[in-house]
C-alpha atoms as a PDB file:
ATOM      1  CA  MET A   1     157.738 130.713  -6.057  1.00  0.00           C
ATOM      2  CA  ARG A   2     157.823 131.847  -2.426  1.00  0.00           C
ATOM      3  CA  ILE A   3     157.698 129.289   0.539  1.00  0.00           C
ATOM      4  CA  ALA A   4     157.739 129.974   4.298  1.00  0.00           C
ATOM      5  CA  THR A   5     157.954 128.132   7.387  1.00  0.00           C
ATOM      6  CA  TRP A   6     156.485 129.319  10.762  1.00  0.00           C
ATOM      7  CA  ASN A   7     156.026 127.607  14.325  1.00  0.00           C
ATOM      8  CA  VAL A   8     152.737 129.513  14.952  1.00  0.00           C
ATOM      9  CA  ASN A   9     152.216 128.250  18.447  1.00  0.00           C
ATOM     10  CA  SER A  10     148.494 127.769  17.922  1.00  0.00           C
ATOM     11  CA  LEU A  11     146.780 128.346  14.676  1.00  0.00           C
ATOM     12  CA  ARG A  12     143.418 129.054  16.172  1.00  0.00           C
ATOM     13  CA  SER A  13     144.846 131.758  18.349  1.00  0.00           C
ATOM     14  CA  ARG A  14     146.778 133.446  15.473  1.00  0.00           C
ATOM     15  CA  ILE A  15     144.791 132.763  12.307  1.00  0.00           C
ATOM     16  CA  ASP A  16     144.548 136.420  11.716  1.00  0.00           C
ATOM     17  CA  ARG A  17     148.188 136.607  11.786  1.00  0.00           C
ATOM     18  CA  VAL A  18     148.597 133.805   9.418  1.00  0.00           C
ATOM     19  CA  GLU A  19     146.238 135.361   6.986  1.00  0.00           C
ATOM     20  CA  ALA A  20     148.030 138.686   7.177  1.00  0.00           C
ATOM     21  CA  LEU A  21     151.400 137.060   6.611  1.00  0.00           C
ATOM     22  CA  LEU A  22     150.221 135.330   3.521  1.00  0.00           C
ATOM     23  CA  ASP A  23     148.800 138.625   2.241  1.00  0.00           C
ATOM     24  CA  ARG A  24     151.859 140.669   3.178  1.00  0.00           C
ATOM     25  CA  HIS A  25     154.527 138.523   1.694  1.00  0.00           C
ATOM     26  CA  GLU A  26     152.245 136.941  -1.138  1.00  0.00           C
ATOM     27  CA  ILE A  27     153.423 133.459   0.075  1.00  0.00           C
ATOM     28  CA  ASP A  28     152.699 130.425  -2.174  1.00  0.00           C
ATOM     29  CA  VAL A  29     153.178 127.747   0.257  1.00  0.00           C
ATOM     30  CA  LEU A  30     153.313 128.163   4.247  1.00  0.00           C
ATOM     31  CA  ALA A  31     154.355 125.413   6.360  1.00  0.00           C
ATOM     32  CA  LEU A  32     153.312 125.710   9.920  1.00  0.00           C
ATOM     33  CA  GLN A  33     154.183 123.801  13.224  1.00  0.00           C
ATOM     34  CA  GLU A  34     152.483 123.705  16.407  1.00  0.00           C
ATOM     35  CA  THR A  35     149.096 124.300  15.336  1.00  0.00           C
ATOM     36  CA  LYS A  36     147.722 122.731  18.398  1.00  0.00           C
ATOM     37  CA  ALA A  37     144.502 121.433  17.068  1.00  0.00           C
ATOM     38  CA  ARG A  38     142.774 118.735  15.302  1.00  0.00           C
ATOM     39  CA  GLU A  39     142.080 119.255  11.672  1.00  0.00           C
ATOM     40  CA  ASP A  40     138.261 119.649  12.370  1.00  0.00           C
ATOM     41  CA  GLN A  41     139.105 122.583  14.864  1.00  0.00           C
ATOM     42  CA  LEU A  42     140.946 124.625  12.462  1.00  0.00           C
ATOM     43  CA  PRO A  43     139.640 127.976  11.252  1.00  0.00           C
ATOM     44  CA  LEU A  44     139.995 127.733   7.335  1.00  0.00           C
ATOM     45  CA  MET A  45     137.434 129.851   5.780  1.00  0.00           C
ATOM     46  CA  GLY A  46     139.739 132.940   5.497  1.00  0.00           C
ATOM     47  CA  LEU A  47     142.367 130.811   3.922  1.00  0.00           C
ATOM     48  CA  GLN A  48     140.183 128.991   1.509  1.00  0.00           C
ATOM     49  CA  ALA A  49     138.581 132.516   0.575  1.00  0.00           C
ATOM     50  CA  ARG A  50     142.083 133.578  -0.353  1.00  0.00           C
ATOM     51  CA  GLY A  51     142.368 130.607  -2.796  1.00  0.00           C
ATOM     52  CA  TYR A  52     144.527 128.374  -0.373  1.00  0.00           C
ATOM     53  CA  ASP A  53     144.229 124.675   0.242  1.00  0.00           C
ATOM     54  CA  VAL A  54     145.130 123.119   3.521  1.00  0.00           C
ATOM     55  CA  ALA A  55     146.568 119.789   4.554  1.00  0.00           C
ATOM     56  CA  ALA A  56     146.871 119.394   8.247  1.00  0.00           C
ATOM     57  CA  VAL A  57     147.421 116.717  10.982  1.00  0.00           C
ATOM     58  CA  GLY A  58     146.868 117.199  14.611  1.00  0.00           C
ATOM     59  CA  LEU A  59     145.775 114.906  17.310  1.00  0.00           C
ATOM     60  CA  ASN A  60     145.285 117.069  20.423  1.00  0.00           C
ATOM     61  CA  GLN A  61     146.344 120.402  21.844  1.00  0.00           C
ATOM     62  CA  TRP A  62     150.031 119.630  21.399  1.00  0.00           C
ATOM     63  CA  ASN A  63     152.151 119.482  18.270  1.00  0.00           C
ATOM     64  CA  GLY A  64     150.278 119.484  14.922  1.00  0.00           C
ATOM     65  CA  VAL A  65     151.643 120.525  11.532  1.00  0.00           C
ATOM     66  CA  ALA A  66     150.138 121.880   8.362  1.00  0.00           C
ATOM     67  CA  LEU A  67     150.690 122.969   4.806  1.00  0.00           C
ATOM     68  CA  ILE A  68     148.823 125.948   3.223  1.00  0.00           C
ATOM     69  CA  SER A  69     149.320 126.440  -0.517  1.00  0.00           C
ATOM     70  CA  ARG A  70     147.822 128.238  -3.441  1.00  0.00           C
ATOM     71  CA  VAL A  71     149.798 126.374  -6.071  1.00  0.00           C
ATOM     72  CA  GLY A  72     148.696 122.835  -5.522  1.00  0.00           C
ATOM     73  CA  LEU A  73     148.584 120.293  -2.613  1.00  0.00           C
ATOM     74  CA  ASP A  74     149.131 117.070  -4.186  1.00  0.00           C
ATOM     75  CA  ASP A  75     150.228 113.422  -2.841  1.00  0.00           C
ATOM     76  CA  VAL A  76     149.583 114.403   0.876  1.00  0.00           C
ATOM     77  CA  GLU A  77     151.593 112.198   3.196  1.00  0.00           C
ATOM     78  CA  VAL A  78     151.206 112.091   6.983  1.00  0.00           C
ATOM     79  CA  GLY A  79     154.384 111.046   8.680  1.00  0.00           C
ATOM     80  CA  PHE A  80     157.587 109.810   7.089  1.00  0.00           C
ATOM     81  CA  PRO A  81     158.435 105.968   6.528  1.00  0.00           C
ATOM     82  CA  GLY A  82     159.804 104.641   9.846  1.00  0.00           C
ATOM     83  CA  MET A  83     158.868 107.663  11.924  1.00  0.00           C
ATOM     84  CA  PRO A  84     158.997 106.729  15.597  1.00  0.00           C
ATOM     85  CA  GLY A  85     156.261 107.275  18.165  1.00  0.00           C
ATOM     86  CA  TRP A  86     156.241 108.525  21.641  1.00  0.00           C
ATOM     87  CA  GLY A  87     154.520 107.409  24.736  1.00  0.00           C
ATOM     88  CA  ASP A  88     153.645 104.050  26.310  1.00  0.00           C
ATOM     89  CA  PRO A  89     152.835 102.388  24.176  1.00  0.00           C
ATOM     90  CA  ALA A  90     154.640 104.485  21.557  1.00  0.00           C
ATOM     91  CA  GLU A  91     152.208 106.083  18.965  1.00  0.00           C
ATOM     92  CA  PRO A  92     153.087 108.458  16.008  1.00  0.00           C
ATOM     93  CA  GLU A  93     152.710 112.049  16.933  1.00  0.00           C
ATOM     94  CA  ALA A  94     151.473 114.914  14.566  1.00  0.00           C
ATOM     95  CA  ARG A  95     154.962 116.073  13.741  1.00  0.00           C
ATOM     96  CA  ALA A  96     155.445 115.643   9.911  1.00  0.00           C
ATOM     97  CA  ILE A  97     153.315 116.345   6.772  1.00  0.00           C
ATOM     98  CA  ALA A  98     154.256 116.383   3.091  1.00  0.00           C
ATOM     99  CA  ALA A  99     152.787 117.528  -0.091  1.00  0.00           C
ATOM    100  CA  THR A 100     153.907 118.230  -3.633  1.00  0.00           C
ATOM    101  CA  CYS A 101     153.280 121.930  -4.385  1.00  0.00           C
ATOM    102  CA  ALA A 102     154.033 123.247  -8.022  1.00  0.00           C
ATOM    103  CA  GLY A 103     156.579 120.360  -8.317  1.00  0.00           C
ATOM    104  CA  VAL A 104     158.174 120.888  -5.004  1.00  0.00           C
ATOM    105  CA  ARG A 105     158.041 118.090  -2.347  1.00  0.00           C
ATOM    106  CA  ILE A 106     157.570 120.193   0.925  1.00  0.00           C
ATOM    107  CA  TRP A 107     157.741 118.599   4.426  1.00  0.00           C
ATOM    108  CA  SER A 108     156.582 120.443   7.454  1.00  0.00           C
ATOM    109  CA  LEU A 109     158.530 119.200  10.361  1.00  0.00           C
ATOM    110  CA  TYR A 110     158.229 119.809  14.121  1.00  0.00           C
ATOM    111  CA  VAL A 111     161.328 117.982  15.573  1.00  0.00           C
ATOM    112  CA  PRO A 112     160.862 116.829  19.194  1.00  0.00           C
ATOM    113  CA  ASN A 113     162.224 119.232  21.763  1.00  0.00           C
ATOM    114  CA  GLY A 114     164.290 116.647  23.606  1.00  0.00           C
ATOM    115  CA  ARG A 115     163.477 118.420  26.962  1.00  0.00           C
ATOM    116  CA  LYS A 116     166.789 117.583  28.786  1.00  0.00           C
ATOM    117  CA  PRO A 117     169.801 115.530  27.774  1.00  0.00           C
ATOM    118  CA  ASP A 118     168.991 112.828  30.416  1.00  0.00           C
ATOM    119  CA  ASP A 119     165.256 112.560  29.531  1.00  0.00           C
ATOM    120  CA  PRO A 120     163.809 109.747  27.434  1.00  0.00           C
ATOM    121  CA  HIS A 121     162.474 112.522  25.078  1.00  0.00           C
ATOM    122  CA  TYR A 122     165.926 113.400  24.074  1.00  0.00           C
ATOM    123  CA  ALA A 123     166.727 109.816  23.001  1.00  0.00           C
ATOM    124  CA  TYR A 124     163.500 109.955  21.112  1.00  0.00           C
ATOM    125  CA  LYS A 125     164.592 113.248  19.329  1.00  0.00           C
ATOM    126  CA  LEU A 126     167.725 111.680  18.192  1.00  0.00           C
ATOM    127  CA  ASP A 127     165.878 108.708  17.002  1.00  0.00           C
ATOM    128  CA  TRP A 128     163.270 110.777  15.162  1.00  0.00           C
ATOM    129  CA  LEU A 129     166.103 112.699  13.324  1.00  0.00           C
ATOM    130  CA  GLY A 130     168.131 109.537  12.471  1.00  0.00           C
ATOM    131  CA  ARG A 131     164.719 107.819  11.096  1.00  0.00           C
ATOM    132  CA  LEU A 132     164.006 111.103   9.110  1.00  0.00           C
ATOM    133  CA  ARG A 133     167.552 110.997   7.636  1.00  0.00           C
ATOM    134  CA  GLU A 134     167.210 107.393   6.599  1.00  0.00           C
ATOM    135  CA  ALA A 135     163.784 108.206   4.959  1.00  0.00           C
ATOM    136  CA  ALA A 136     165.362 111.396   3.287  1.00  0.00           C
ATOM    137  CA  ALA A 137     167.828 109.457   1.607  1.00  0.00           C
ATOM    138  CA  GLY A 138     165.552 108.673  -1.293  1.00  0.00           C
ATOM    139  CA  TRP A 139     164.329 112.100  -1.821  1.00  0.00           C
ATOM    140  CA  GLN A 140     167.500 114.083  -2.845  1.00  0.00           C
ATOM    141  CA  ASP A 141     167.278 113.618  -6.519  1.00  0.00           C
ATOM    142  CA  THR A 142     164.008 115.545  -6.643  1.00  0.00           C
ATOM    143  CA  PRO A 143     163.086 119.160  -5.606  1.00  0.00           C
ATOM    144  CA  THR A 144     162.397 118.490  -1.956  1.00  0.00           C
ATOM    145  CA  ALA A 145     162.541 120.880   1.230  1.00  0.00           C
ATOM    146  CA  LEU A 146     162.683 119.834   4.852  1.00  0.00           C
ATOM    147  CA  VAL A 147     161.225 122.891   6.518  1.00  0.00           C
ATOM    148  CA  GLY A 148     160.207 123.790   9.844  1.00  0.00           C
ATOM    149  CA  ASP A 149     161.135 123.840  13.726  1.00  0.00           C
ATOM    150  CA  TRP A 150     164.269 121.653  14.038  1.00  0.00           C
ATOM    151  CA  ASN A 151     164.786 122.445  17.720  1.00  0.00           C
ATOM    152  CA  ILE A 152     168.633 122.515  17.202  1.00  0.00           C
ATOM    153  CA  CYS A 153     171.059 125.406  17.187  1.00  0.00           C
ATOM    154  CA  PRO A 154     173.523 123.947  14.655  1.00  0.00           C
ATOM    155  CA  THR A 155     176.486 126.418  15.704  1.00  0.00           C
ATOM    156  CA  ASP A 156     177.321 128.527  18.521  1.00  0.00           C
ATOM    157  CA  ASP A 157     176.319 131.598  16.651  1.00  0.00           C
ATOM    158  CA  ASP A 158     172.717 130.364  16.618  1.00  0.00           C
ATOM    159  CA  VAL A 159     172.195 130.980  20.470  1.00  0.00           C
ATOM    160  CA  PHE A 160     172.626 134.340  22.282  1.00  0.00           C
ATOM    161  CA  ASP A 161     174.635 132.795  24.968  1.00  0.00           C
ATOM    162  CA  VAL A 162     175.837 129.244  24.683  1.00  0.00           C
ATOM    163  CA  ALA A 163     177.186 129.188  28.192  1.00  0.00           C
ATOM    164  CA  GLN A 164     173.585 129.493  29.434  1.00  0.00           C
ATOM    165  CA  PHE A 165     172.772 126.177  27.479  1.00  0.00           C
ATOM    166  CA  LYS A 166     175.763 124.222  28.810  1.00  0.00           C
ATOM    167  CA  ASN A 167     173.575 121.553  30.207  1.00  0.00           C
ATOM    168  CA  SER A 168     170.577 122.032  27.971  1.00  0.00           C
ATOM    169  CA  THR A 169     169.214 120.446  24.662  1.00  0.00           C
ATOM    170  CA  HIS A 170     169.355 122.200  21.124  1.00  0.00           C
ATOM    171  CA  VAL A 171     173.273 122.594  21.396  1.00  0.00           C
ATOM    172  CA  THR A 172     174.535 119.065  22.407  1.00  0.00           C
ATOM    173  CA  PRO A 173     177.084 117.359  20.197  1.00  0.00           C
ATOM    174  CA  ALA A 174     174.859 114.597  19.273  1.00  0.00           C
ATOM    175  CA  GLU A 175     171.965 117.044  18.159  1.00  0.00           C
ATOM    176  CA  ARG A 176     174.368 119.035  16.064  1.00  0.00           C
ATOM    177  CA  ALA A 177     175.907 115.833  14.476  1.00  0.00           C
ATOM    178  CA  ALA A 178     172.324 114.748  13.564  1.00  0.00           C
ATOM    179  CA  PHE A 179     171.616 118.121  11.761  1.00  0.00           C
ATOM    180  CA  GLN A 180     175.175 118.050  10.090  1.00  0.00           C
ATOM    181  CA  ALA A 181     174.455 114.486   9.052  1.00  0.00           C
ATOM    182  CA  PHE A 182     171.900 115.810   6.572  1.00  0.00           C
ATOM    183  CA  LEU A 183     174.381 118.349   5.174  1.00  0.00           C
ATOM    184  CA  ASP A 184     176.925 115.635   4.807  1.00  0.00           C
ATOM    185  CA  ASP A 185     174.473 113.757   2.843  1.00  0.00           C
ATOM    186  CA  GLY A 186     174.149 116.564   0.383  1.00  0.00           C
ATOM    187  CA  TRP A 187     171.303 118.605   1.643  1.00  0.00           C
ATOM    188  CA  ALA A 188     171.760 122.317   2.134  1.00  0.00           C
ATOM    189  CA  GLU A 189     170.362 124.737   4.689  1.00  0.00           C
ATOM    190  CA  VAL A 190     169.547 127.598   2.402  1.00  0.00           C
ATOM    191  CA  THR A 191     168.385 130.493   4.697  1.00  0.00           C
ATOM    192  CA  ARG A 192     171.720 131.254   6.685  1.00  0.00           C
ATOM    193  CA  ALA A 193     173.566 132.744   3.703  1.00  0.00           C
ATOM    194  CA  HIS A 194     170.837 135.344   3.246  1.00  0.00           C
ATOM    195  CA  ASP A 195     169.833 136.015   6.852  1.00  0.00           C
ATOM    196  CA  PRO A 196     171.855 134.402   9.786  1.00  0.00           C
ATOM    197  CA  GLY A 197     169.584 136.046  12.424  1.00  0.00           C
ATOM    198  CA  TYR A 198     167.639 134.231  15.267  1.00  0.00           C
ATOM    199  CA  THR A 199     164.150 132.744  14.608  1.00  0.00           C
ATOM    200  CA  TYR A 200     163.161 132.051  18.064  1.00  0.00           C
ATOM    201  CA  TRP A 201     162.861 134.345  21.231  1.00  0.00           C
ATOM    202  CA  ASP A 202     161.393 133.109  24.562  1.00  0.00           C
ATOM    203  CA  TYR A 203     158.625 135.158  26.175  1.00  0.00           C
ATOM    204  CA  TYR A 204     160.816 135.254  29.230  1.00  0.00           C
ATOM    205  CA  ARG A 205     162.431 138.508  30.264  1.00  0.00           C
ATOM    206  CA  GLN A 206     161.941 140.412  27.204  1.00  0.00           C
ATOM    207  CA  ARG A 207     164.114 138.175  25.311  1.00  0.00           C
ATOM    208  CA  PHE A 208     162.880 139.366  21.897  1.00  0.00           C
ATOM    209  CA  GLU A 209     163.304 143.067  22.814  1.00  0.00           C
ATOM    210  CA  ARG A 210     167.031 142.296  23.897  1.00  0.00           C
ATOM    211  CA  ASP A 211     167.600 140.151  20.744  1.00  0.00           C
ATOM    212  CA  ARG A 212     168.502 137.166  23.111  1.00  0.00           C
ATOM    213  CA  GLY A 213     167.248 134.424  20.802  1.00  0.00           C
ATOM    214  CA  LEU A 214     168.012 131.172  19.027  1.00  0.00           C
ATOM    215  CA  LYS A 215     168.157 130.138  15.240  1.00  0.00           C
ATOM    216  CA  ILE A 216     166.185 126.732  15.299  1.00  0.00           C
ATOM    217  CA  ASP A 217     163.904 127.264  12.204  1.00  0.00           C
ATOM    218  CA  PHE A 218     165.497 125.964   8.942  1.00  0.00           C
ATOM    219  CA  VAL A 219     164.760 125.260   5.391  1.00  0.00           C
ATOM    220  CA  VAL A 220     166.931 122.199   4.264  1.00  0.00           C
ATOM    221  CA  ALA A 221     166.810 121.662   0.490  1.00  0.00           C
ATOM    222  CA  SER A 222     167.827 118.830  -1.816  1.00  0.00           C
ATOM    223  CA  PRO A 223     170.485 119.770  -4.398  1.00  0.00           C
ATOM    224  CA  PRO A 224     167.929 120.377  -7.288  1.00  0.00           C
ATOM    225  CA  LEU A 225     165.906 122.705  -4.988  1.00  0.00           C
ATOM    226  CA  ALA A 226     168.987 124.453  -3.412  1.00  0.00           C
ATOM    227  CA  SER A 227     170.149 125.538  -6.669  1.00  0.00           C
ATOM    228  CA  ARG A 228     166.819 127.436  -7.248  1.00  0.00           C
ATOM    229  CA  VAL A 229     167.080 129.720  -4.032  1.00  0.00           C
ATOM    230  CA  THR A 230     167.407 133.463  -4.796  1.00  0.00           C
ATOM    231  CA  GLY A 231     166.820 134.856  -1.419  1.00  0.00           C
ATOM    232  CA  ALA A 232     165.563 134.307   2.139  1.00  0.00           C
ATOM    233  CA  PHE A 233     164.737 136.262   5.261  1.00  0.00           C
ATOM    234  CA  VAL A 234     163.376 136.130   8.822  1.00  0.00           C
ATOM    235  CA  ASP A 235     160.318 138.151   9.312  1.00  0.00           C
ATOM    236  CA  ARG A 236     161.322 139.613  12.767  1.00  0.00           C
ATOM    237  CA  GLU A 237     158.519 142.087  12.660  1.00  0.00           C
ATOM    238  CA  GLU A 238     155.946 139.193  13.039  1.00  0.00           C
ATOM    239  CA  ARG A 239     157.533 138.353  16.355  1.00  0.00           C
ATOM    240  CA  ALA A 240     156.925 141.892  17.674  1.00  0.00           C
ATOM    241  CA  GLY A 241     153.774 143.074  19.352  1.00  0.00           C
ATOM    242  CA  GLN A 242     151.121 141.774  21.610  1.00  0.00           C
ATOM    243  CA  GLY A 243     149.889 138.109  21.019  1.00  0.00           C
ATOM    244  CA  ALA A 244     152.938 137.096  18.722  1.00  0.00           C
ATOM    245  CA  SER A 245     154.195 133.619  18.410  1.00  0.00           C
ATOM    246  CA  ASP A 246     157.443 133.059  19.969  1.00  0.00           C
ATOM    247  CA  HIS A 247     158.866 132.121  16.581  1.00  0.00           C
ATOM    248  CA  ALA A 248     159.343 134.315  13.417  1.00  0.00           C
ATOM    249  CA  PRO A 249     158.435 133.124  10.039  1.00  0.00           C
ATOM    250  CA  VAL A 250     161.255 132.247   7.658  1.00  0.00           C
ATOM    251  CA  VAL A 251     160.726 133.032   3.913  1.00  0.00           C
ATOM    252  CA  VAL A 252     162.533 131.607   0.984  1.00  0.00           C
ATOM    253  CA  ASP A 253     162.319 132.645  -2.731  1.00  0.00           C
ATOM    254  CA  LEU A 254     162.724 130.099  -5.497  1.00  0.00           C
ATOM    255  CA  THR A 255     163.016 130.505  -9.180  1.00  0.00           C
ATOM    256  CA  THR A 256     160.302 128.706 -11.003  1.00  0.00           C
END
């Protein structure tokens, strides 16, 4: 079984790339983030013609998550228990969706960016991660994957120049501690051992061409699922060329 996660940065703009990715790597389940559209706006005909089912949630031109599967899409769940909202009044955003695919519970997650350490969005990010951890405490005994754009660089090796991020989000001790808390609970990040490379490169100043990126897209697996991982890689070629997303897909292989 092959699963993948990708911050697509607008599904409507990159549907051709999504279809090509599915074909090229024969992906069974693809988790998407930043689809940037309501469900009724998504171009699904090509996916359905390939035998894929789609579950998605999107409220407007921001955020949005989806699961695309050819091995089942059961017990779809939008948002996790206790997921906090944003805004005044606070409302849940389209940042989490789950389904069971061939016996594996997969969550497509788009963790809040945080903006700046002194911004209210940063506190929201930490709260969101803490609430996710609380909910995930009941999922560890079954094959479960928390996949997506975590918007955290867990180590200094995950950022091209940590000095440039001295006063920025993604590398703060609190964010790193929030990520590490999942690992301390028994979850495992299963891609790094196979491919430690970056997954995101800003469009600014040819960051991709200069390989000045960040590793922020991860597959965090429960113990029963982590033991089934046989390989993983970042599809850097998908980040190349005109019209690419600023993230690259991350692909993971599992035994059946």
